[in-house]
Amino acid sequence: MTDDMAVGLAGFAALFLMILLQVPVGIAMALVGVIGTGILIGFEPALALLAIEPSAALASESLAIIAMFLVMGNLAHAGAVR
């Protein structure tokens, strides 16, 4: 078993344990992700990735398309389009 696989299995076990302990799923996933990435590539790059990735995800076109589709649906509903 490689080190990467061992870290992944330990992270999965830690995630499952935190969910059983009723830690909110988002917090549990964030902790396991940051700590696992920190173990694999170092904690400084992991924290830098934590700062960069959310803004990159929010700037993606697919999320903008979803938001515009919801706005279009609201406008169609308000205008009584059937």
PDB file of N, CA and C in Angstrom:
ATOM      1  N   MET A   1       0.853  -1.178   0.000  1.00  0.00           N
ATOM      2  CA  MET A   1       0.000   0.000   0.000  1.00  0.00           C
ATOM      3  C   MET A   1       0.897   1.240   0.000  1.00  0.00           C
ATOM      4  N   THR A   2       0.597   2.156  -0.906  1.00  0.00           N
ATOM      5  CA  THR A   2       1.400   3.371  -0.992  1.00  0.00           C
ATOM      6  C   THR A   2       1.010   4.346   0.114  1.00  0.00           C
ATOM      7  N   ASP A   3       1.864   5.325   0.314  1.00  0.00           N
ATOM      8  CA  ASP A   3       1.582   6.341   1.335  1.00  0.00           C
ATOM      9  C   ASP A   3       0.328   7.139   0.992  1.00  0.00           C
ATOM     10  N   ASP A   4       0.153   7.433  -0.293  1.00  0.00           N
ATOM     11  CA  ASP A   4      -1.035   8.183  -0.710  1.00  0.00           C
ATOM     12  C   ASP A   4      -2.316   7.421  -0.386  1.00  0.00           C
ATOM     13  N   MET A   5      -2.279   6.119  -0.634  1.00  0.00           N
ATOM     14  CA  MET A   5      -3.461   5.308  -0.357  1.00  0.00           C
ATOM     15  C   MET A   5      -3.721   5.218   1.148  1.00  0.00           C
ATOM     16  N   ALA A   6      -2.658   5.127   1.930  1.00  0.00           N
ATOM     17  CA  ALA A   6      -2.823   5.070   3.387  1.00  0.00           C
ATOM     18  C   ALA A   6      -3.416   6.371   3.914  1.00  0.00           C
ATOM     19  N   VAL A   7      -2.965   7.494   3.377  1.00  0.00           N
ATOM     20  CA  VAL A   7      -3.515   8.790   3.791  1.00  0.00           C
ATOM     21  C   VAL A   7      -4.980   8.884   3.387  1.00  0.00           C
ATOM     22  N   GLY A   8      -5.315   8.406   2.197  1.00  0.00           N
ATOM     23  CA  GLY A   8      -6.702   8.425   1.742  1.00  0.00           C
ATOM     24  C   GLY A   8      -7.608   7.561   2.602  1.00  0.00           C
ATOM     25  N   LEU A   9      -7.156   6.366   2.931  1.00  0.00           N
ATOM     26  CA  LEU A   9      -7.959   5.484   3.780  1.00  0.00           C
ATOM     27  C   LEU A   9      -8.106   6.044   5.190  1.00  0.00           C
ATOM     28  N   ALA A  10      -7.027   6.621   5.720  1.00  0.00           N
ATOM     29  CA  ALA A  10      -7.111   7.238   7.051  1.00  0.00           C
ATOM     30  C   ALA A  10      -8.057   8.437   7.029  1.00  0.00           C
ATOM     31  N   GLY A  11      -8.021   9.212   5.956  1.00  0.00           N
ATOM     32  CA  GLY A  11      -8.934  10.345   5.827  1.00  0.00           C
ATOM     33  C   GLY A  11     -10.380   9.897   5.735  1.00  0.00           C
ATOM     34  N   PHE A  12     -10.621   8.828   4.980  1.00  0.00           N
ATOM     35  CA  PHE A  12     -11.985   8.302   4.877  1.00  0.00           C
ATOM     36  C   PHE A  12     -12.479   7.816   6.232  1.00  0.00           C
ATOM     37  N   ALA A  13     -11.608   7.126   6.974  1.00  0.00           N
ATOM     38  CA  ALA A  13     -11.989   6.651   8.309  1.00  0.00           C
ATOM     39  C   ALA A  13     -12.252   7.828   9.249  1.00  0.00           C
ATOM     40  N   ALA A  14     -11.397   8.860   9.165  1.00  0.00           N
ATOM     41  CA  ALA A  14     -11.590  10.041  10.017  1.00  0.00           C
ATOM     42  C   ALA A  14     -12.886  10.760   9.662  1.00  0.00           C
ATOM     43  N   LEU A  15     -13.187  10.855   8.373  1.00  0.00           N
ATOM     44  CA  LEU A  15     -14.436  11.485   7.940  1.00  0.00           C
ATOM     45  C   LEU A  15     -15.643  10.712   8.461  1.00  0.00           C
ATOM     46  N   PHE A  16     -15.606   9.397   8.330  1.00  0.00           N
ATOM     47  CA  PHE A  16     -16.707   8.567   8.808  1.00  0.00           C
ATOM     48  C   PHE A  16     -16.873   8.706  10.317  1.00  0.00           C
ATOM     49  N   LEU A  17     -15.754   8.744  11.047  1.00  0.00           N
ATOM     50  CA  LEU A  17     -15.809   8.892  12.504  1.00  0.00           C
ATOM     51  C   LEU A  17     -16.397  10.245  12.896  1.00  0.00           C
ATOM     52  N   MET A  18     -15.970  11.306  12.211  1.00  0.00           N
ATOM     53  CA  MET A  18     -16.504  12.632  12.538  1.00  0.00           C
ATOM     54  C   MET A  18     -17.996  12.731  12.232  1.00  0.00           C
ATOM     55  N   ILE A  19     -18.441  12.073  11.162  1.00  0.00           N
ATOM     56  CA  ILE A  19     -19.872  12.077  10.858  1.00  0.00           C
ATOM     57  C   ILE A  19     -20.634  11.319  11.936  1.00  0.00           C
ATOM     58  N   LEU A  20     -20.070  10.201  12.412  1.00  0.00           N
ATOM     59  CA  LEU A  20     -20.708   9.465  13.504  1.00  0.00           C
ATOM     60  C   LEU A  20     -20.759  10.283  14.789  1.00  0.00           C
ATOM     61  N   LEU A  21     -19.769  11.153  14.984  1.00  0.00           N
ATOM     62  CA  LEU A  21     -19.743  12.024  16.164  1.00  0.00           C
ATOM     63  C   LEU A  21     -20.591  13.279  15.960  1.00  0.00           C
ATOM     64  N   GLN A  22     -21.336  13.335  14.875  1.00  0.00           N
ATOM     65  CA  GLN A  22     -22.269  14.406  14.544  1.00  0.00           C
ATOM     66  C   GLN A  22     -21.599  15.757  14.300  1.00  0.00           C
ATOM     67  N   VAL A  23     -20.384  15.705  13.770  1.00  0.00           N
ATOM     68  CA  VAL A  23     -19.739  16.926  13.287  1.00  0.00           C
ATOM     69  C   VAL A  23     -20.417  17.257  11.954  1.00  0.00           C
ATOM     70  N   PRO A  24     -20.752  18.514  11.688  1.00  0.00           N
ATOM     71  CA  PRO A  24     -21.370  18.847  10.396  1.00  0.00           C
ATOM     72  C   PRO A  24     -20.513  18.354   9.224  1.00  0.00           C
ATOM     73  N   VAL A  25     -21.179  17.835   8.205  1.00  0.00           N
ATOM     74  CA  VAL A  25     -20.488  17.166   7.107  1.00  0.00           C
ATOM     75  C   VAL A  25     -19.514  18.104   6.395  1.00  0.00           C
ATOM     76  N   GLY A  26     -19.907  19.343   6.169  1.00  0.00           N
ATOM     77  CA  GLY A  26     -19.022  20.288   5.491  1.00  0.00           C
ATOM     78  C   GLY A  26     -17.750  20.556   6.267  1.00  0.00           C
ATOM     79  N   ILE A  27     -17.884  20.714   7.574  1.00  0.00           N
ATOM     80  CA  ILE A  27     -16.711  20.950   8.417  1.00  0.00           C
ATOM     81  C   ILE A  27     -15.825  19.717   8.437  1.00  0.00           C
ATOM     82  N   ALA A  28     -16.431  18.536   8.551  1.00  0.00           N
ATOM     83  CA  ALA A  28     -15.655  17.294   8.566  1.00  0.00           C
ATOM     84  C   ALA A  28     -14.899  17.112   7.256  1.00  0.00           C
ATOM     85  N   MET A  29     -15.568  17.370   6.128  1.00  0.00           N
ATOM     86  CA  MET A  29     -14.910  17.226   4.831  1.00  0.00           C
ATOM     87  C   MET A  29     -13.785  18.240   4.661  1.00  0.00           C
ATOM     88  N   ALA A  30     -14.009  19.469   5.122  1.00  0.00           N
ATOM     89  CA  ALA A  30     -12.974  20.498   5.010  1.00  0.00           C
ATOM     90  C   ALA A  30     -11.752  20.134   5.848  1.00  0.00           C
ATOM     91  N   LEU A  31     -11.982  19.681   7.070  1.00  0.00           N
ATOM     92  CA  LEU A  31     -10.858  19.302   7.929  1.00  0.00           C
ATOM     93  C   LEU A  31     -10.069  18.148   7.336  1.00  0.00           C
ATOM     94  N   VAL A  32     -10.763  17.109   6.904  1.00  0.00           N
ATOM     95  CA  VAL A  32     -10.080  15.951   6.326  1.00  0.00           C
ATOM     96  C   VAL A  32      -9.337  16.354   5.056  1.00  0.00           C
ATOM     97  N   GLY A  33      -9.950  17.186   4.234  1.00  0.00           N
ATOM     98  CA  GLY A  33      -9.300  17.614   3.000  1.00  0.00           C
ATOM     99  C   GLY A  33      -8.050  18.435   3.235  1.00  0.00           C
ATOM    100  N   VAL A  34      -8.132  19.406   4.134  1.00  0.00           N
ATOM    101  CA  VAL A  34      -6.969  20.266   4.395  1.00  0.00           C
ATOM    102  C   VAL A  34      -5.857  19.472   5.071  1.00  0.00           C
ATOM    103  N   ILE A  35      -6.209  18.654   6.045  1.00  0.00           N
ATOM    104  CA  ILE A  35      -5.179  17.879   6.744  1.00  0.00           C
ATOM    105  C   ILE A  35      -4.567  16.833   5.811  1.00  0.00           C
ATOM    106  N   GLY A  36      -5.396  16.156   5.007  1.00  0.00           N
ATOM    107  CA  GLY A  36      -4.863  15.172   4.066  1.00  0.00           C
ATOM    108  C   GLY A  36      -3.968  15.806   3.015  1.00  0.00           C
ATOM    109  N   THR A  37      -4.390  16.939   2.474  1.00  0.00           N
ATOM    110  CA  THR A  37      -3.560  17.648   1.504  1.00  0.00           C
ATOM    111  C   THR A  37      -2.282  18.150   2.157  1.00  0.00           C
ATOM    112  N   GLY A  38      -2.395  18.600   3.413  1.00  0.00           N
ATOM    113  CA  GLY A  38      -1.208  19.043   4.140  1.00  0.00           C
ATOM    114  C   GLY A  38      -0.208  17.928   4.347  1.00  0.00           C
ATOM    115  N   ILE A  39      -0.695  16.736   4.619  1.00  0.00           N
ATOM    116  CA  ILE A  39       0.208  15.596   4.798  1.00  0.00           C
ATOM    117  C   ILE A  39       0.872  15.231   3.476  1.00  0.00           C
ATOM    118  N   LEU A  40       0.135  15.305   2.385  1.00  0.00           N
ATOM    119  CA  LEU A  40       0.673  14.881   1.093  1.00  0.00           C
ATOM    120  C   LEU A  40       1.603  15.906   0.456  1.00  0.00           C
ATOM    121  N   ILE A  41       1.241  17.190   0.482  1.00  0.00           N
ATOM    122  CA  ILE A  41       2.068  18.181  -0.218  1.00  0.00           C
ATOM    123  C   ILE A  41       2.672  19.225   0.711  1.00  0.00           C
ATOM    124  N   GLY A  42       2.358  19.179   1.989  1.00  0.00           N
ATOM    125  CA  GLY A  42       2.850  20.175   2.936  1.00  0.00           C
ATOM    126  C   GLY A  42       1.732  21.109   3.342  1.00  0.00           C
ATOM    127  N   PHE A  43       1.834  21.626   4.556  1.00  0.00           N
ATOM    128  CA  PHE A  43       0.731  22.427   5.076  1.00  0.00           C
ATOM    129  C   PHE A  43       0.694  23.840   4.502  1.00  0.00           C
ATOM    130  N   GLU A  44       1.833  24.403   4.167  1.00  0.00           N
ATOM    131  CA  GLU A  44       1.817  25.746   3.578  1.00  0.00           C
ATOM    132  C   GLU A  44       1.154  25.749   2.201  1.00  0.00           C
ATOM    133  N   PRO A  45       1.514  24.821   1.295  1.00  0.00           N
ATOM    134  CA  PRO A  45       0.788  24.778   0.020  1.00  0.00           C
ATOM    135  C   PRO A  45      -0.688  24.405   0.182  1.00  0.00           C
ATOM    136  N   ALA A  46      -1.003  23.579   1.180  1.00  0.00           N
ATOM    137  CA  ALA A  46      -2.406  23.202   1.406  1.00  0.00           C
ATOM    138  C   ALA A  46      -3.222  24.412   1.835  1.00  0.00           C
ATOM    139  N   LEU A  47      -2.669  25.246   2.692  1.00  0.00           N
ATOM    140  CA  LEU A  47      -3.390  26.445   3.118  1.00  0.00           C
ATOM    141  C   LEU A  47      -3.497  27.459   1.982  1.00  0.00           C
ATOM    142  N   ALA A  48      -2.459  27.527   1.132  1.00  0.00           N
ATOM    143  CA  ALA A  48      -2.539  28.402  -0.042  1.00  0.00           C
ATOM    144  C   ALA A  48      -3.624  27.907  -0.997  1.00  0.00           C
ATOM    145  N   LEU A  49      -3.717  26.596  -1.162  1.00  0.00           N
ATOM    146  CA  LEU A  49      -4.760  26.014  -2.000  1.00  0.00           C
ATOM    147  C   LEU A  49      -6.136  26.296  -1.426  1.00  0.00           C
ATOM    148  N   LEU A  50      -6.239  26.272  -0.103  1.00  0.00           N
ATOM    149  CA  LEU A  50      -7.502  26.577   0.565  1.00  0.00           C
ATOM    150  C   LEU A  50      -7.925  28.022   0.304  1.00  0.00           C
ATOM    151  N   ALA A  51      -6.967  28.914   0.139  1.00  0.00           N
ATOM    152  CA  ALA A  51      -7.284  30.315  -0.134  1.00  0.00           C
ATOM    153  C   ALA A  51      -7.630  30.542  -1.607  1.00  0.00           C
ATOM    154  N   ILE A  52      -7.023  29.775  -2.513  1.00  0.00           N
ATOM    155  CA  ILE A  52      -7.186  30.011  -3.948  1.00  0.00           C
ATOM    156  C   ILE A  52      -8.404  29.295  -4.524  1.00  0.00           C
ATOM    157  N   GLU A  53      -8.637  28.064  -4.151  1.00  0.00           N
ATOM    158  CA  GLU A  53      -9.654  27.226  -4.788  1.00  0.00           C
ATOM    159  C   GLU A  53     -11.080  27.749  -4.678  1.00  0.00           C
ATOM    160  N   PRO A  54     -11.542  28.261  -3.527  1.00  0.00           N
ATOM    161  CA  PRO A  54     -12.932  28.749  -3.489  1.00  0.00           C
ATOM    162  C   PRO A  54     -13.199  29.889  -4.467  1.00  0.00           C
ATOM    163  N   SER A  55     -12.255  30.810  -4.604  1.00  0.00           N
ATOM    164  CA  SER A  55     -12.479  31.912  -5.542  1.00  0.00           C
ATOM    165  C   SER A  55     -12.447  31.415  -6.983  1.00  0.00           C
ATOM    166  N   ALA A  56     -11.629  30.422  -7.270  1.00  0.00           N
ATOM    167  CA  ALA A  56     -11.603  29.862  -8.622  1.00  0.00           C
ATOM    168  C   ALA A  56     -12.902  29.125  -8.930  1.00  0.00           C
ATOM    169  N   ALA A  57     -13.446  28.441  -7.937  1.00  0.00           N
ATOM    170  CA  ALA A  57     -14.711  27.730  -8.150  1.00  0.00           C
ATOM    171  C   ALA A  57     -15.858  28.714  -8.348  1.00  0.00           C
ATOM    172  N   LEU A  58     -15.847  29.811  -7.611  1.00  0.00           N
ATOM    173  CA  LEU A  58     -16.916  30.799  -7.751  1.00  0.00           C
ATOM    174  C   LEU A  58     -16.832  31.556  -9.067  1.00  0.00           C
ATOM    175  N   ALA A  59     -15.647  31.620  -9.652  1.00  0.00           N
ATOM    176  CA  ALA A  59     -15.475  32.335 -10.910  1.00  0.00           C
ATOM    177  C   ALA A  59     -15.762  31.455 -12.123  1.00  0.00           C
ATOM    178  N   SER A  60     -16.123  30.203 -11.900  1.00  0.00           N
ATOM    179  CA  SER A  60     -16.355  29.306 -13.029  1.00  0.00           C
ATOM    180  C   SER A  60     -17.650  29.671 -13.758  1.00  0.00           C
ATOM    181  N   GLU A  61     -17.667  29.410 -15.047  1.00  0.00           N
ATOM    182  CA  GLU A  61     -18.833  29.745 -15.859  1.00  0.00           C
ATOM    183  C   GLU A  61     -20.032  28.874 -15.519  1.00  0.00           C
ATOM    184  N   SER A  62     -19.792  27.638 -15.102  1.00  0.00           N
ATOM    185  CA  SER A  62     -20.925  26.743 -14.841  1.00  0.00           C
ATOM    186  C   SER A  62     -21.768  27.241 -13.677  1.00  0.00           C
ATOM    187  N   LEU A  63     -21.154  27.809 -12.652  1.00  0.00           N
ATOM    188  CA  LEU A  63     -21.937  28.351 -11.546  1.00  0.00           C
ATOM    189  C   LEU A  63     -22.686  29.610 -11.964  1.00  0.00           C
ATOM    190  N   ALA A  64     -22.094  30.408 -12.825  1.00  0.00           N
ATOM    191  CA  ALA A  64     -22.782  31.603 -13.317  1.00  0.00           C
ATOM    192  C   ALA A  64     -23.995  31.211 -14.157  1.00  0.00           C
ATOM    193  N   ILE A  65     -23.876  30.139 -14.921  1.00  0.00           N
ATOM    194  CA  ILE A  65     -24.998  29.686 -15.738  1.00  0.00           C
ATOM    195  C   ILE A  65     -26.154  29.238 -14.852  1.00  0.00           C
ATOM    196  N   ILE A  66     -25.844  28.539 -13.771  1.00  0.00           N
ATOM    197  CA  ILE A  66     -26.899  28.093 -12.849  1.00  0.00           C
ATOM    198  C   ILE A  66     -27.608  29.298 -12.240  1.00  0.00           C
ATOM    199  N   ALA A  67     -26.844  30.291 -11.816  1.00  0.00           N
ATOM    200  CA  ALA A  67     -27.450  31.487 -11.222  1.00  0.00           C
ATOM    201  C   ALA A  67     -28.327  32.220 -12.234  1.00  0.00           C
ATOM    202  N   MET A  68     -27.860  32.355 -13.455  1.00  0.00           N
ATOM    203  CA  MET A  68     -28.657  33.045 -14.470  1.00  0.00           C
ATOM    204  C   MET A  68     -29.919  32.256 -14.827  1.00  0.00           C
ATOM    205  N   PHE A  69     -29.843  30.928 -14.807  1.00  0.00           N
ATOM    206  CA  PHE A  69     -31.031  30.110 -15.056  1.00  0.00           C
ATOM    207  C   PHE A  69     -32.067  30.331 -13.960  1.00  0.00           C
ATOM    208  N   LEU A  70     -31.622  30.434 -12.711  1.00  0.00           N
ATOM    209  CA  LEU A  70     -32.552  30.698 -11.614  1.00  0.00           C
ATOM    210  C   LEU A  70     -33.184  32.081 -11.741  1.00  0.00           C
ATOM    211  N   VAL A  71     -32.402  33.075 -12.134  1.00  0.00           N
ATOM    212  CA  VAL A  71     -32.944  34.421 -12.343  1.00  0.00           C
ATOM    213  C   VAL A  71     -33.976  34.401 -13.464  1.00  0.00           C
ATOM    214  N   MET A  72     -33.663  33.682 -14.544  1.00  0.00           N
ATOM    215  CA  MET A  72     -34.609  33.584 -15.652  1.00  0.00           C
ATOM    216  C   MET A  72     -35.913  32.923 -15.198  1.00  0.00           C
ATOM    217  N   GLY A  73     -35.827  31.889 -14.397  1.00  0.00           N
ATOM    218  CA  GLY A  73     -37.022  31.231 -13.883  1.00  0.00           C
ATOM    219  C   GLY A  73     -37.847  32.144 -13.005  1.00  0.00           C
ATOM    220  N   ASN A  74     -37.181  32.932 -12.160  1.00  0.00           N
ATOM    221  CA  ASN A  74     -37.905  33.884 -11.308  1.00  0.00           C
ATOM    222  C   ASN A  74     -38.593  34.963 -12.134  1.00  0.00           C
ATOM    223  N   LEU A  75     -37.914  35.461 -13.147  1.00  0.00           N
ATOM    224  CA  LEU A  75     -38.533  36.470 -14.009  1.00  0.00           C
ATOM    225  C   LEU A  75     -39.718  35.891 -14.775  1.00  0.00           C
ATOM    226  N   ALA A  76     -39.589  34.659 -15.242  1.00  0.00           N
ATOM    227  CA  ALA A  76     -40.698  34.030 -15.957  1.00  0.00           C
ATOM    228  C   ALA A  76     -41.884  33.807 -15.026  1.00  0.00           C
ATOM    229  N   HIS A  77     -41.609  33.443 -13.799  1.00  0.00           N
ATOM    230  CA  HIS A  77     -42.687  33.237 -12.832  1.00  0.00           C
ATOM    231  C   HIS A  77     -43.361  34.567 -12.480  1.00  0.00           C
ATOM    232  N   ALA A  78     -42.560  35.608 -12.275  1.00  0.00           N
ATOM    233  CA  ALA A  78     -43.125  36.917 -11.925  1.00  0.00           C
ATOM    234  C   ALA A  78     -43.926  37.497 -13.086  1.00  0.00           C
ATOM    235  N   GLY A  79     -43.516  37.189 -14.301  1.00  0.00           N
ATOM    236  CA  GLY A  79     -44.242  37.689 -15.458  1.00  0.00           C
ATOM    237  C   GLY A  79     -45.399  36.803 -15.860  1.00  0.00           C
ATOM    238  N   ALA A  80     -45.662  35.771 -15.092  1.00  0.00           N
ATOM    239  CA  ALA A  80     -46.763  34.831 -15.334  1.00  0.00           C
ATOM    240  C   ALA A  80     -46.657  34.175 -16.702  1.00  0.00           C
ATOM    241  N   VAL A  81     -45.434  33.827 -17.107  1.00  0.00           N
ATOM    242  CA  VAL A  81     -45.226  33.115 -18.367  1.00  0.00           C
ATOM    243  C   VAL A  81     -45.632  31.663 -18.159  1.00  0.00           C
ATOM    244  N   ARG A  82     -46.492  31.165 -19.033  1.00  0.00           N
ATOM    245  CA  ARG A  82     -46.957  29.775 -18.896  1.00  0.00           C
ATOM    246  C   ARG A  82     -46.681  29.007 -20.138  1.00  0.00           C
TER     247      ARG A  82
END
